[in-house]
PDB file of N, CA and C in Angstrom:
ATOM      1  N   MET A   1      21.678  11.220  12.809  1.00  0.00           N
ATOM      2  CA  MET A   1      22.953  11.190  13.296  1.00  0.00           C
ATOM      3  C   MET A   1      23.999  11.155  12.263  1.00  0.00           C
ATOM      4  N   THR A   2      24.931  12.003  12.386  1.00  0.00           N
ATOM      5  CA  THR A   2      25.977  12.066  11.292  1.00  0.00           C
ATOM      6  C   THR A   2      26.857  10.832  11.228  1.00  0.00           C
ATOM      7  N   ASN A   3      27.398  10.653  10.015  1.00  0.00           N
ATOM      8  CA  ASN A   3      28.352   9.582   9.831  1.00  0.00           C
ATOM      9  C   ASN A   3      29.381  10.139   8.705  1.00  0.00           C
ATOM     10  N   THR A   4      30.426   9.460   8.614  1.00  0.00           N
ATOM     11  CA  THR A   4      31.425   9.773   7.566  1.00  0.00           C
ATOM     12  C   THR A   4      31.501   8.596   6.589  1.00  0.00           C
ATOM     13  N   ILE A   5      31.420   9.007   5.310  1.00  0.00           N
ATOM     14  CA  ILE A   5      31.645   8.067   4.226  1.00  0.00           C
ATOM     15  C   ILE A   5      33.025   8.271   3.526  1.00  0.00           C
ATOM     16  N   GLN A   6      33.753   7.291   3.460  1.00  0.00           N
ATOM     17  CA  GLN A   6      35.000   7.382   2.769  1.00  0.00           C
ATOM     18  C   GLN A   6      34.961   6.269   1.690  1.00  0.00           C
ATOM     19  N   PHE A   7      35.462   6.759   0.389  1.00  0.00           N
ATOM     20  CA  PHE A   7      35.349   5.843  -0.635  1.00  0.00           C
ATOM     21  C   PHE A   7      36.503   6.065  -1.700  1.00  0.00           C
ATOM     22  N   ILE A   8      36.721   5.016  -2.416  1.00  0.00           N
ATOM     23  CA  ILE A   8      37.764   5.184  -3.477  1.00  0.00           C
ATOM     24  C   ILE A   8      36.874   4.750  -4.774  1.00  0.00           C
ATOM     25  N   ALA A   9      37.128   5.607  -5.811  1.00  0.00           N
ATOM     26  CA  ALA A   9      36.264   5.343  -7.114  1.00  0.00           C
ATOM     27  C   ALA A   9      37.068   5.744  -8.278  1.00  0.00           C
ATOM     28  N   ILE A  10      36.634   5.298  -9.430  1.00  0.00           N
ATOM     29  CA  ILE A  10      37.011   5.854 -10.715  1.00  0.00           C
ATOM     30  C   ILE A  10      35.843   6.714 -11.190  1.00  0.00           C
ATOM     31  N   ASP A  11      36.071   7.958 -11.401  1.00  0.00           N
ATOM     32  CA  ASP A  11      35.002   8.853 -11.756  1.00  0.00           C
ATOM     33  C   ASP A  11      34.535   8.672 -13.220  1.00  0.00           C
ATOM     34  N   ASP A  12      33.589   9.383 -13.707  1.00  0.00           N
ATOM     35  CA  ASP A  12      33.028   9.246 -15.015  1.00  0.00           C
ATOM     36  C   ASP A  12      33.992   9.709 -16.148  1.00  0.00           C
ATOM     37  N   THR A  13      35.127  10.329 -15.756  1.00  0.00           N
ATOM     38  CA  THR A  13      36.168  10.631 -16.803  1.00  0.00           C
ATOM     39  C   THR A  13      37.332   9.646 -16.819  1.00  0.00           C
ATOM     40  N   GLY A  14      37.209   8.655 -15.924  1.00  0.00           N
ATOM     41  CA  GLY A  14      38.306   7.609 -15.738  1.00  0.00           C
ATOM     42  C   GLY A  14      39.330   7.944 -14.780  1.00  0.00           C
ATOM     43  N   ARG A  15      39.160   9.080 -13.940  1.00  0.00           N
ATOM     44  CA  ARG A  15      40.186   9.540 -13.005  1.00  0.00           C
ATOM     45  C   ARG A  15      39.877   8.850 -11.621  1.00  0.00           C
ATOM     46  N   TYR A  16      41.014   8.524 -10.967  1.00  0.00           N
ATOM     47  CA  TYR A  16      40.934   7.946  -9.605  1.00  0.00           C
ATOM     48  C   TYR A  16      40.608   9.006  -8.661  1.00  0.00           C
ATOM     49  N   GLN A  17      39.580   8.676  -7.796  1.00  0.00           N
ATOM     50  CA  GLN A  17      39.063   9.645  -6.781  1.00  0.00           C
ATOM     51  C   GLN A  17      39.145   8.977  -5.435  1.00  0.00           C
ATOM     52  N   GLN A  18      39.500   9.666  -4.404  1.00  0.00           N
ATOM     53  CA  GLN A  18      39.470   9.236  -3.009  1.00  0.00           C
ATOM     54  C   GLN A  18      38.809  10.390  -2.287  1.00  0.00           C
ATOM     55  N   ARG A  19      37.602  10.132  -1.624  1.00  0.00           N
ATOM     56  CA  ARG A  19      36.866  11.200  -1.006  1.00  0.00           C
ATOM     57  C   ARG A  19      36.427  10.717   0.359  1.00  0.00           C
ATOM     58  N   ARG A  20      36.218  11.723   1.174  1.00  0.00           N
ATOM     59  CA  ARG A  20      35.720  11.545   2.555  1.00  0.00           C
ATOM     60  C   ARG A  20      34.725  12.748   2.916  1.00  0.00           C
ATOM     61  N   TRP A  21      33.513  12.294   3.083  1.00  0.00           N
ATOM     62  CA  TRP A  21      32.510  13.290   3.438  1.00  0.00           C
ATOM     63  C   TRP A  21      31.781  12.981   4.724  1.00  0.00           C
ATOM     64  N   VAL A  22      31.446  13.979   5.515  1.00  0.00           N
ATOM     65  CA  VAL A  22      30.543  13.821   6.603  1.00  0.00           C
ATOM     66  C   VAL A  22      29.145  13.974   6.160  1.00  0.00           C
ATOM     67  N   MET A  23      28.261  13.076   6.461  1.00  0.00           N
ATOM     68  CA  MET A  23      26.920  13.123   5.942  1.00  0.00           C
ATOM     69  C   MET A  23      25.863  13.155   7.155  1.00  0.00           C
ATOM     70  N   PRO A  24      24.694  13.724   6.922  1.00  0.00           N
ATOM     71  CA  PRO A  24      23.740  13.841   8.035  1.00  0.00           C
ATOM     72  C   PRO A  24      23.111  12.475   8.480  1.00  0.00           C
ATOM     73  N   SER A  25      23.149  11.420   7.551  1.00  0.00           N
ATOM     74  CA  SER A  25      22.530  10.188   7.878  1.00  0.00           C
ATOM     75  C   SER A  25      23.121   9.100   6.996  1.00  0.00           C
ATOM     76  N   VAL A  26      22.979   7.830   7.403  1.00  0.00           N
ATOM     77  CA  VAL A  26      23.277   6.709   6.506  1.00  0.00           C
ATOM     78  C   VAL A  26      22.549   6.721   5.213  1.00  0.00           C
ATOM     79  N   ASP A  27      21.286   6.993   5.277  1.00  0.00           N
ATOM     80  CA  ASP A  27      20.403   7.092   4.132  1.00  0.00           C
ATOM     81  C   ASP A  27      21.022   8.086   3.058  1.00  0.00           C
ATOM     82  N   THR A  28      21.382   9.206   3.566  1.00  0.00           N
ATOM     83  CA  THR A  28      21.958  10.264   2.676  1.00  0.00           C
ATOM     84  C   THR A  28      23.233   9.680   2.112  1.00  0.00           C
ATOM     85  N   SER A  29      24.072   9.090   2.901  1.00  0.00           N
ATOM     86  CA  SER A  29      25.346   8.477   2.383  1.00  0.00           C
ATOM     87  C   SER A  29      25.132   7.533   1.253  1.00  0.00           C
ATOM     88  N   PHE A  30      24.147   6.612   1.451  1.00  0.00           N
ATOM     89  CA  PHE A  30      23.845   5.629   0.447  1.00  0.00           C
ATOM     90  C   PHE A  30      23.199   6.290  -0.817  1.00  0.00           C
ATOM     91  N   SER A  31      22.449   7.338  -0.665  1.00  0.00           N
ATOM     92  CA  SER A  31      21.846   8.065  -1.689  1.00  0.00           C
ATOM     93  C   SER A  31      22.940   8.566  -2.674  1.00  0.00           C
ATOM     94  N   VAL A  32      23.925   9.289  -1.920  1.00  0.00           N
ATOM     95  CA  VAL A  32      24.897  10.036  -2.709  1.00  0.00           C
ATOM     96  C   VAL A  32      25.728   8.995  -3.506  1.00  0.00           C
ATOM     97  N   LEU A  33      26.114   7.857  -2.791  1.00  0.00           N
ATOM     98  CA  LEU A  33      26.845   6.862  -3.550  1.00  0.00           C
ATOM     99  C   LEU A  33      26.165   6.299  -4.749  1.00  0.00           C
ATOM    100  N   ASN A  34      24.797   6.062  -4.663  1.00  0.00           N
ATOM    101  CA  ASN A  34      24.094   5.623  -5.712  1.00  0.00           C
ATOM    102  C   ASN A  34      23.996   6.695  -6.846  1.00  0.00           C
ATOM    103  N   ILE A  35      23.831   7.967  -6.508  1.00  0.00           N
ATOM    104  CA  ILE A  35      23.881   9.038  -7.555  1.00  0.00           C
ATOM    105  C   ILE A  35      25.182   8.981  -8.263  1.00  0.00           C
ATOM    106  N   LEU A  36      26.272   8.838  -7.575  1.00  0.00           N
ATOM    107  CA  LEU A  36      27.499   8.770  -8.263  1.00  0.00           C
ATOM    108  C   LEU A  36      27.582   7.620  -9.174  1.00  0.00           C
ATOM    109  N   VAL A  37      27.203   6.471  -8.749  1.00  0.00           N
ATOM    110  CA  VAL A  37      27.222   5.215  -9.599  1.00  0.00           C
ATOM    111  C   VAL A  37      26.308   5.561 -10.916  1.00  0.00           C
ATOM    112  N   ASN A  38      25.129   6.186 -10.653  1.00  0.00           N
ATOM    113  CA  ASN A  38      24.272   6.419 -11.756  1.00  0.00           C
ATOM    114  C   ASN A  38      24.882   7.430 -12.696  1.00  0.00           C
ATOM    115  N   GLN A  39      25.787   8.271 -12.262  1.00  0.00           N
ATOM    116  CA  GLN A  39      26.448   9.229 -13.164  1.00  0.00           C
ATOM    117  C   GLN A  39      27.716   8.532 -13.798  1.00  0.00           C
ATOM    118  N   GLY A  40      28.015   7.250 -13.563  1.00  0.00           N
ATOM    119  CA  GLY A  40      29.030   6.588 -14.255  1.00  0.00           C
ATOM    120  C   GLY A  40      30.361   6.335 -13.394  1.00  0.00           C
ATOM    121  N   TRP A  41      30.297   6.637 -12.111  1.00  0.00           N
ATOM    122  CA  TRP A  41      31.388   6.360 -11.287  1.00  0.00           C
ATOM    123  C   TRP A  41      31.432   4.889 -10.980  1.00  0.00           C
ATOM    124  N   GLN A  42      32.591   4.367 -10.854  1.00  0.00           N
ATOM    125  CA  GLN A  42      32.805   2.955 -10.373  1.00  0.00           C
ATOM    126  C   GLN A  42      33.482   2.899  -8.951  1.00  0.00           C
ATOM    127  N   LEU A  43      32.663   2.448  -8.033  1.00  0.00           N
ATOM    128  CA  LEU A  43      33.098   2.393  -6.632  1.00  0.00           C
ATOM    129  C   LEU A  43      34.057   1.233  -6.515  1.00  0.00           C
ATOM    130  N   ARG A  44      35.192   1.434  -5.819  1.00  0.00           N
ATOM    131  CA  ARG A  44      36.211   0.387  -5.531  1.00  0.00           C
ATOM    132  C   ARG A  44      36.272  -0.082  -4.133  1.00  0.00           C
ATOM    133  N   ALA A  45      36.094   0.957  -3.182  1.00  0.00           N
ATOM    134  CA  ALA A  45      36.080   0.651  -1.817  1.00  0.00           C
ATOM    135  C   ALA A  45      35.276   1.670  -1.022  1.00  0.00           C
ATOM    136  N   ILE A  46      34.466   1.231  -0.036  1.00  0.00           N
ATOM    137  CA  ILE A  46      33.615   2.176   0.747  1.00  0.00           C
ATOM    138  C   ILE A  46      33.721   1.795   2.267  1.00  0.00           C
ATOM    139  N   THR A  47      33.933   2.853   3.055  1.00  0.00           N
ATOM    140  CA  THR A  47      33.924   2.685   4.449  1.00  0.00           C
ATOM    141  C   THR A  47      33.062   3.690   5.124  1.00  0.00           C
ATOM    142  N   LEU A  48      32.050   3.160   5.908  1.00  0.00           N
ATOM    143  CA  LEU A  48      31.137   4.094   6.682  1.00  0.00           C
ATOM    144  C   LEU A  48      31.550   4.000   8.178  1.00  0.00           C
ATOM    145  N   THR A  49      31.707   5.169   8.739  1.00  0.00           N
ATOM    146  CA  THR A  49      32.040   5.399  10.096  1.00  0.00           C
ATOM    147  C   THR A  49      30.988   6.215  10.864  1.00  0.00           C
ATOM    148  N   ASP A  50      30.593   5.648  12.037  1.00  0.00           N
ATOM    149  CA  ASP A  50      29.603   6.449  12.848  1.00  0.00           C
ATOM    150  C   ASP A  50      30.319   7.432  13.763  1.00  0.00           C
ATOM    151  N   VAL A  51      29.485   8.115  14.485  1.00  0.00           N
ATOM    152  CA  VAL A  51      30.029   9.257  15.380  1.00  0.00           C
ATOM    153  C   VAL A  51      30.778   8.754  16.465  1.00  0.00           C
ATOM    154  N   GLN A  52      30.619   7.454  16.883  1.00  0.00           N
ATOM    155  CA  GLN A  52      31.501   6.890  17.885  1.00  0.00           C
ATOM    156  C   GLN A  52      32.775   6.296  17.414  1.00  0.00           C
ATOM    157  N   GLY A  53      32.972   6.279  16.150  1.00  0.00           N
ATOM    158  CA  GLY A  53      34.171   5.888  15.512  1.00  0.00           C
ATOM    159  C   GLY A  53      34.175   4.449  15.036  1.00  0.00           C
ATOM    160  N   HIS A  54      33.011   3.731  15.081  1.00  0.00           N
ATOM    161  CA  HIS A  54      32.920   2.359  14.586  1.00  0.00           C
ATOM    162  C   HIS A  54      32.870   2.373  13.108  1.00  0.00           C
ATOM    163  N   SER A  55      33.592   1.632  12.453  1.00  0.00           N
ATOM    164  CA  SER A  55      33.643   1.554  10.968  1.00  0.00           C
ATOM    165  C   SER A  55      33.241   0.205  10.444  1.00  0.00           C
ATOM    166  N   ILE A  56      32.656   0.257   9.205  1.00  0.00           N
ATOM    167  CA  ILE A  56      32.291  -0.969   8.485  1.00  0.00           C
ATOM    168  C   ILE A  56      32.642  -0.741   7.007  1.00  0.00           C
ATOM    169  N   ASP A  57      33.249  -1.727   6.421  1.00  0.00           N
ATOM    170  CA  ASP A  57      33.470  -1.671   4.974  1.00  0.00           C
ATOM    171  C   ASP A  57      32.143  -2.195   4.237  1.00  0.00           C
ATOM    172  N   LEU A  58      31.741  -1.480   3.273  1.00  0.00           N
ATOM    173  CA  LEU A  58      30.555  -1.835   2.622  1.00  0.00           C
ATOM    174  C   LEU A  58      30.800  -2.445   1.264  1.00  0.00           C
ATOM    175  N   PRO A  59      29.945  -3.418   0.787  1.00  0.00           N
ATOM    176  CA  PRO A  59      30.207  -3.968  -0.487  1.00  0.00           C
ATOM    177  C   PRO A  59      29.929  -3.001  -1.652  1.00  0.00           C
ATOM    178  N   THR A  60      30.859  -2.841  -2.581  1.00  0.00           N
ATOM    179  CA  THR A  60      30.574  -1.905  -3.558  1.00  0.00           C
ATOM    180  C   THR A  60      29.511  -2.315  -4.582  1.00  0.00           C
ATOM    181  N   ASP A  61      29.273  -3.590  -4.743  1.00  0.00           N
ATOM    182  CA  ASP A  61      28.260  -4.013  -5.709  1.00  0.00           C
ATOM    183  C   ASP A  61      26.850  -3.851  -5.114  1.00  0.00           C
ATOM    184  N   ALA A  62      26.672  -3.337  -3.867  1.00  0.00           N
ATOM    185  CA  ALA A  62      25.385  -3.073  -3.333  1.00  0.00           C
ATOM    186  C   ALA A  62      24.856  -1.769  -3.870  1.00  0.00           C
ATOM    187  N   PHE A  63      25.750  -0.995  -4.524  1.00  0.00           N
ATOM    188  CA  PHE A  63      25.357   0.356  -4.943  1.00  0.00           C
ATOM    189  C   PHE A  63      25.328   0.266  -6.501  1.00  0.00           C
ATOM    190  N   ASP A  64      24.128   0.182  -7.078  1.00  0.00           N
ATOM    191  CA  ASP A  64      23.954  -0.075  -8.471  1.00  0.00           C
ATOM    192  C   ASP A  64      23.356   1.210  -9.138  1.00  0.00           C
ATOM    193  N   GLY A  65      23.189   2.288  -8.411  1.00  0.00           N
ATOM    194  CA  GLY A  65      22.581   3.410  -9.082  1.00  0.00           C
ATOM    195  C   GLY A  65      21.099   3.667  -8.724  1.00  0.00           C
ATOM    196  N   ALA A  66      20.460   2.632  -8.196  1.00  0.00           N
ATOM    197  CA  ALA A  66      19.026   2.691  -7.842  1.00  0.00           C
ATOM    198  C   ALA A  66      18.857   3.247  -6.433  1.00  0.00           C
ATOM    199  N   PRO A  67      17.749   3.967  -6.214  1.00  0.00           N
ATOM    200  CA  PRO A  67      17.515   4.449  -4.905  1.00  0.00           C
ATOM    201  C   PRO A  67      17.352   3.352  -3.840  1.00  0.00           C
ATOM    202  N   MET A  68      17.806   3.569  -2.643  1.00  0.00           N
ATOM    203  CA  MET A  68      17.716   2.535  -1.600  1.00  0.00           C
ATOM    204  C   MET A  68      16.668   2.974  -0.482  1.00  0.00           C
ATOM    205  N   SER A  69      16.134   4.242  -0.591  1.00  0.00           N
ATOM    206  CA  SER A  69      15.469   4.782   0.483  1.00  0.00           C
ATOM    207  C   SER A  69      14.142   3.923   0.847  1.00  0.00           C
ATOM    208  N   TRP A  70      13.443   3.379  -0.105  1.00  0.00           N
ATOM    209  CA  TRP A  70      12.335   2.566   0.175  1.00  0.00           C
ATOM    210  C   TRP A  70      12.660   1.358   0.918  1.00  0.00           C
ATOM    211  N   HIS A  71      13.726   0.634   0.449  1.00  0.00           N
ATOM    212  CA  HIS A  71      14.228  -0.580   1.098  1.00  0.00           C
ATOM    213  C   HIS A  71      14.705  -0.311   2.516  1.00  0.00           C
ATOM    214  N   LEU A  72      15.382   0.782   2.769  1.00  0.00           N
ATOM    215  CA  LEU A  72      15.842   1.056   4.125  1.00  0.00           C
ATOM    216  C   LEU A  72      14.664   1.365   5.060  1.00  0.00           C
ATOM    217  N   ASP A  73      13.668   2.024   4.531  1.00  0.00           N
ATOM    218  CA  ASP A  73      12.433   2.357   5.305  1.00  0.00           C
ATOM    219  C   ASP A  73      11.700   1.115   5.707  1.00  0.00           C
ATOM    220  N   GLN A  74      11.582   0.163   4.759  1.00  0.00           N
ATOM    221  CA  GLN A  74      11.022  -1.118   5.071  1.00  0.00           C
ATOM    222  C   GLN A  74      11.814  -1.960   6.116  1.00  0.00           C
ATOM    223  N   LEU A  75      13.053  -1.920   6.005  1.00  0.00           N
ATOM    224  CA  LEU A  75      13.981  -2.580   6.958  1.00  0.00           C
ATOM    225  C   LEU A  75      13.798  -1.940   8.344  1.00  0.00           C
ATOM    226  N   GLN A  76      13.711  -0.629   8.367  1.00  0.00           N
ATOM    227  CA  GLN A  76      13.517   0.022   9.688  1.00  0.00           C
ATOM    228  C   GLN A  76      12.273  -0.363  10.312  1.00  0.00           C
ATOM    229  N   ARG A  77      11.162  -0.341   9.610  1.00  0.00           N
ATOM    230  CA  ARG A  77       9.790  -0.753  10.068  1.00  0.00           C
ATOM    231  C   ARG A  77       9.822  -2.200  10.613  1.00  0.00           C
ATOM    232  N   GLN A  78      10.566  -3.116   9.906  1.00  0.00           N
ATOM    233  CA  GLN A  78      10.591  -4.475  10.319  1.00  0.00           C
ATOM    234  C   GLN A  78      11.356  -4.586  11.709  1.00  0.00           C
ATOM    235  N   TRP A  79      12.473  -3.933  11.858  1.00  0.00           N
ATOM    236  CA  TRP A  79      13.171  -4.064  13.180  1.00  0.00           C
ATOM    237  C   TRP A  79      12.453  -3.332  14.251  1.00  0.00           C
ATOM    238  N   GLN A  80      11.768  -2.335  13.958  1.00  0.00           N
ATOM    239  CA  GLN A  80      10.967  -1.577  14.923  1.00  0.00           C
ATOM    240  C   GLN A  80       9.811  -2.437  15.450  1.00  0.00           C
ATOM    241  N   ALA A  81       9.203  -3.211  14.449  1.00  0.00           N
ATOM    242  CA  ALA A  81       8.115  -4.067  14.899  1.00  0.00           C
ATOM    243  C   ALA A  81       8.675  -5.194  15.668  1.00  0.00           C
ATOM    244  N   VAL A  82       9.817  -5.717  15.362  1.00  0.00           N
ATOM    245  CA  VAL A  82      10.452  -6.792  16.162  1.00  0.00           C
ATOM    246  C   VAL A  82      10.738  -6.375  17.533  1.00  0.00           C
ATOM    247  N   LEU A  83      11.244  -5.116  17.671  1.00  0.00           N
ATOM    248  CA  LEU A  83      11.533  -4.613  18.989  1.00  0.00           C
ATOM    249  C   LEU A  83      10.327  -3.918  19.669  1.00  0.00           C
ATOM    250  N   GLY A  84       9.206  -3.939  19.104  1.00  0.00           N
ATOM    251  CA  GLY A  84       7.998  -3.508  19.633  1.00  0.00           C
ATOM    252  C   GLY A  84       7.905  -1.933  19.888  1.00  0.00           C
ATOM    253  N   LEU A  85       8.604  -1.257  18.934  1.00  0.00           N
ATOM    254  CA  LEU A  85       8.678   0.273  19.101  1.00  0.00           C
ATOM    255  C   LEU A  85       7.506   0.891  18.315  1.00  0.00           C
TER     256      LEU A  85
END
């Protein structure tokens, strides 16, 4: 399911950046943000919006440049187990 990630950051050259991208998944959005941090970008504000228009502000310090995929997969398995899926 697609989502929109909007963020404000200082890029690796020290320039202010404000971007908004449509992504195929939350996992992809998180991966892209971590890649940018790994390349030296400093995230200042992040908003994630789903296809229904619901938005949530995300903590910038959650993105430290390390991959999140494994952690997200584990979390998904846990809530699927709780729901009996």
